[in-house]
Amino acid sequence: MKSASSGLVYSTDGGRMCPGCRLPVAACACKAAAVPAGDGVARVSRLSKGRGGKTVTIVKGLALDAAALAALGKRLRTACGSGGTVKDGVIEVQGDHCDLVLDVLGKQGLRAKRAGG
C-alpha cells in the first residue's frame, strides 16, 4: 500500500524529481528559495586528509545559491589551472592554491580570509 506522503522520485521524462515541489531537479522551485546560511566571509583552507596525500584548497562560508557557487567554482578552477568540484556548498580546487584563491576572491569583491594552517 502506498502512503500519502510518498512522491515521485524519478521520471523518464524529467529525470530526478524534487520531493518538495515535485518538479525535475534542474527546474526545482524550492532550491531557488533555499540559500545556504553563511556570514558572507569565505574561509579558504588547505586539506589533505582522506585524499590519499593529495592536497585540495577548500572554500566555504559563502552565502551563494547553487548556480552562483558553481560559476564561482568554475572561475577559481580556471584561474588556478586545475580541476575541482562544488558539493554541499563547498568549493574544492585540486592542489595548494590558497594564496591565488584569496586574490581571485578579493578581485571578485568577496571578503575572504585564510583558515587553518
C-alpha atoms as a PDB file:
ATOM      1  CA  MET A   1       0.000   0.000   0.000  1.00  0.00           C
ATOM      2  CA  LYS A   2       1.323   3.415  -0.964  1.00  0.00           C
ATOM      3  CA  SER A   3       1.498   6.061   1.755  1.00  0.00           C
ATOM      4  CA  ALA A   4       0.084   9.540   1.232  1.00  0.00           C
ATOM      5  CA  SER A   5       3.473  11.229   1.731  1.00  0.00           C
ATOM      6  CA  SER A   6       5.309   9.215  -0.906  1.00  0.00           C
ATOM      7  CA  GLY A   7       6.029  11.022  -4.117  1.00  0.00           C
ATOM      8  CA  LEU A   8       7.620  10.624  -7.479  1.00  0.00           C
ATOM      9  CA  VAL A   9      11.423  10.497  -7.223  1.00  0.00           C
ATOM     10  CA  TYR A  10      12.339   9.721 -10.842  1.00  0.00           C
ATOM     11  CA  SER A  11      10.663  10.164 -14.189  1.00  0.00           C
ATOM     12  CA  THR A  12      11.900   9.012 -17.574  1.00  0.00           C
ATOM     13  CA  ASP A  13      10.803  12.368 -18.971  1.00  0.00           C
ATOM     14  CA  GLY A  14      12.414  14.696 -16.435  1.00  0.00           C
ATOM     15  CA  GLY A  15      14.978  12.564 -14.581  1.00  0.00           C
ATOM     16  CA  ARG A  16      15.297  13.026 -10.816  1.00  0.00           C
ATOM     17  CA  MET A  17      12.367  14.811  -9.197  1.00  0.00           C
ATOM     18  CA  CYS A  18      12.428  17.188  -6.230  1.00  0.00           C
ATOM     19  CA  PRO A  19      10.376  15.781  -3.327  1.00  0.00           C
ATOM     20  CA  GLY A  20       9.330  19.278  -2.217  1.00  0.00           C
ATOM     21  CA  CYS A  21       7.884  20.865  -5.354  1.00  0.00           C
ATOM     22  CA  ARG A  22       7.662  17.678  -7.467  1.00  0.00           C
ATOM     23  CA  LEU A  23       9.394  19.305 -10.431  1.00  0.00           C
ATOM     24  CA  PRO A  24      12.542  17.991 -12.137  1.00  0.00           C
ATOM     25  CA  VAL A  25      15.639  18.788 -10.046  1.00  0.00           C
ATOM     26  CA  ALA A  26      17.013  21.009 -12.834  1.00  0.00           C
ATOM     27  CA  ALA A  27      13.882  23.199 -12.677  1.00  0.00           C
ATOM     28  CA  CYS A  28      13.268  22.930  -8.924  1.00  0.00           C
ATOM     29  CA  ALA A  29      11.392  25.855  -7.402  1.00  0.00           C
ATOM     30  CA  CYS A  30      12.419  25.051  -3.815  1.00  0.00           C
ATOM     31  CA  LYS A  31      16.189  25.278  -4.309  1.00  0.00           C
ATOM     32  CA  ALA A  32      15.920  28.827  -5.646  1.00  0.00           C
ATOM     33  CA  ALA A  33      14.485  29.903  -2.301  1.00  0.00           C
ATOM     34  CA  ALA A  34      16.987  27.880  -0.264  1.00  0.00           C
ATOM     35  CA  VAL A  35      20.187  29.894   0.061  1.00  0.00           C
ATOM     36  CA  PRO A  36      22.709  28.301   2.410  1.00  0.00           C
ATOM     37  CA  ALA A  37      23.387  30.145   5.626  1.00  0.00           C
ATOM     38  CA  GLY A  38      26.745  31.836   5.911  1.00  0.00           C
ATOM     39  CA  ASP A  39      28.257  35.002   7.273  1.00  0.00           C
ATOM     40  CA  GLY A  40      29.487  36.152   3.870  1.00  0.00           C
ATOM     41  CA  VAL A  41      33.168  35.617   4.654  1.00  0.00           C
ATOM     42  CA  ALA A  42      34.826  32.965   2.524  1.00  0.00           C
ATOM     43  CA  ARG A  43      37.159  30.765   4.527  1.00  0.00           C
ATOM     44  CA  VAL A  44      39.976  29.362   2.411  1.00  0.00           C
ATOM     45  CA  SER A  45      41.899  26.400   3.760  1.00  0.00           C
ATOM     46  CA  ARG A  46      44.115  23.565   2.623  1.00  0.00           C
ATOM     47  CA  LEU A  47      43.146  19.955   3.303  1.00  0.00           C
ATOM     48  CA  SER A  48      44.756  16.615   2.527  1.00  0.00           C
ATOM     49  CA  LYS A  49      43.118  14.165   4.934  1.00  0.00           C
ATOM     50  CA  GLY A  50      41.264  11.288   3.344  1.00  0.00           C
ATOM     51  CA  ARG A  51      42.527  12.089  -0.137  1.00  0.00           C
ATOM     52  CA  GLY A  52      45.490   9.757  -0.452  1.00  0.00           C
ATOM     53  CA  GLY A  53      48.002  12.510   0.327  1.00  0.00           C
ATOM     54  CA  LYS A  54      46.649  14.816  -2.377  1.00  0.00           C
ATOM     55  CA  THR A  55      46.098  18.416  -1.323  1.00  0.00           C
ATOM     56  CA  VAL A  56      42.946  20.397  -2.111  1.00  0.00           C
ATOM     57  CA  THR A  57      42.052  24.009  -1.447  1.00  0.00           C
ATOM     58  CA  ILE A  58      38.666  24.367   0.264  1.00  0.00           C
ATOM     59  CA  VAL A  59      36.449  27.488   0.062  1.00  0.00           C
ATOM     60  CA  LYS A  60      33.432  27.546   2.366  1.00  0.00           C
ATOM     61  CA  GLY A  61      31.214  30.003   4.203  1.00  0.00           C
ATOM     62  CA  LEU A  62      29.788  31.855   1.197  1.00  0.00           C
ATOM     63  CA  ALA A  63      26.055  32.536   1.236  1.00  0.00           C
ATOM     64  CA  LEU A  64      25.504  31.981  -2.505  1.00  0.00           C
ATOM     65  CA  ASP A  65      22.891  29.927  -4.295  1.00  0.00           C
ATOM     66  CA  ALA A  66      23.910  26.775  -6.179  1.00  0.00           C
ATOM     67  CA  ALA A  67      24.243  28.438  -9.598  1.00  0.00           C
ATOM     68  CA  ALA A  68      26.388  31.324  -8.326  1.00  0.00           C
ATOM     69  CA  LEU A  69      28.555  28.927  -6.329  1.00  0.00           C
ATOM     70  CA  ALA A  70      29.088  26.732  -9.401  1.00  0.00           C
ATOM     71  CA  ALA A  71      30.053  29.775 -11.501  1.00  0.00           C
ATOM     72  CA  LEU A  72      32.499  30.945  -8.820  1.00  0.00           C
ATOM     73  CA  GLY A  73      33.962  27.446  -8.627  1.00  0.00           C
ATOM     74  CA  LYS A  74      34.489  27.481 -12.384  1.00  0.00           C
ATOM     75  CA  ARG A  75      36.280  30.853 -12.176  1.00  0.00           C
ATOM     76  CA  LEU A  76      38.540  29.627  -9.379  1.00  0.00           C
ATOM     77  CA  ARG A  77      39.428  26.386 -11.167  1.00  0.00           C
ATOM     78  CA  THR A  78      40.224  28.308 -14.359  1.00  0.00           C
ATOM     79  CA  ALA A  79      42.385  30.838 -12.508  1.00  0.00           C
ATOM     80  CA  CYS A  80      44.312  28.050 -10.757  1.00  0.00           C
ATOM     81  CA  GLY A  81      44.590  25.916 -13.876  1.00  0.00           C
ATOM     82  CA  SER A  82      43.392  22.809 -12.097  1.00  0.00           C
ATOM     83  CA  GLY A  83      40.331  20.681 -11.549  1.00  0.00           C
ATOM     84  CA  GLY A  84      37.909  20.608  -8.684  1.00  0.00           C
ATOM     85  CA  THR A  85      34.279  20.382  -7.720  1.00  0.00           C
ATOM     86  CA  VAL A  86      31.440  22.104  -5.899  1.00  0.00           C
ATOM     87  CA  LYS A  87      29.452  19.988  -3.473  1.00  0.00           C
ATOM     88  CA  ASP A  88      27.354  20.729  -0.391  1.00  0.00           C
ATOM     89  CA  GLY A  89      28.090  24.460  -0.564  1.00  0.00           C
ATOM     90  CA  VAL A  90      31.871  23.920  -0.549  1.00  0.00           C
ATOM     91  CA  ILE A  91      34.232  24.645  -3.447  1.00  0.00           C
ATOM     92  CA  GLU A  92      37.176  22.258  -3.766  1.00  0.00           C
ATOM     93  CA  VAL A  93      40.110  23.130  -6.039  1.00  0.00           C
ATOM     94  CA  GLN A  94      42.773  20.483  -6.591  1.00  0.00           C
ATOM     95  CA  GLY A  95      46.212  21.479  -5.334  1.00  0.00           C
ATOM     96  CA  ASP A  96      47.543  24.052  -2.886  1.00  0.00           C
ATOM     97  CA  HIS A  97      46.268  27.356  -4.322  1.00  0.00           C
ATOM     98  CA  CYS A  98      45.245  29.233  -1.152  1.00  0.00           C
ATOM     99  CA  ASP A  99      47.034  32.487  -1.977  1.00  0.00           C
ATOM    100  CA  LEU A 100      45.793  32.559  -5.575  1.00  0.00           C
ATOM    101  CA  VAL A 101      42.217  31.784  -4.486  1.00  0.00           C
ATOM    102  CA  LEU A 102      42.348  34.597  -1.910  1.00  0.00           C
ATOM    103  CA  ASP A 103      43.497  37.028  -4.627  1.00  0.00           C
ATOM    104  CA  VAL A 104      40.749  35.958  -7.053  1.00  0.00           C
ATOM    105  CA  LEU A 105      38.050  36.206  -4.378  1.00  0.00           C
ATOM    106  CA  GLY A 106      39.275  39.678  -3.435  1.00  0.00           C
ATOM    107  CA  LYS A 107      39.112  40.813  -7.068  1.00  0.00           C
ATOM    108  CA  GLN A 108      35.558  39.452  -7.270  1.00  0.00           C
ATOM    109  CA  GLY A 109      34.606  41.761  -4.393  1.00  0.00           C
ATOM    110  CA  LEU A 110      34.123  38.959  -1.867  1.00  0.00           C
ATOM    111  CA  ARG A 111      35.520  39.039   1.657  1.00  0.00           C
ATOM    112  CA  ALA A 112      37.872  36.133   2.223  1.00  0.00           C
ATOM    113  CA  LYS A 113      40.318  35.054   4.865  1.00  0.00           C
ATOM    114  CA  ARG A 114      42.710  32.197   5.370  1.00  0.00           C
ATOM    115  CA  ALA A 115      41.561  29.490   7.771  1.00  0.00           C
ATOM    116  CA  GLY A 116      43.548  26.647   9.264  1.00  0.00           C
ATOM    117  CA  GLY A 117      47.276  26.069   8.965  1.00  0.00           C
END
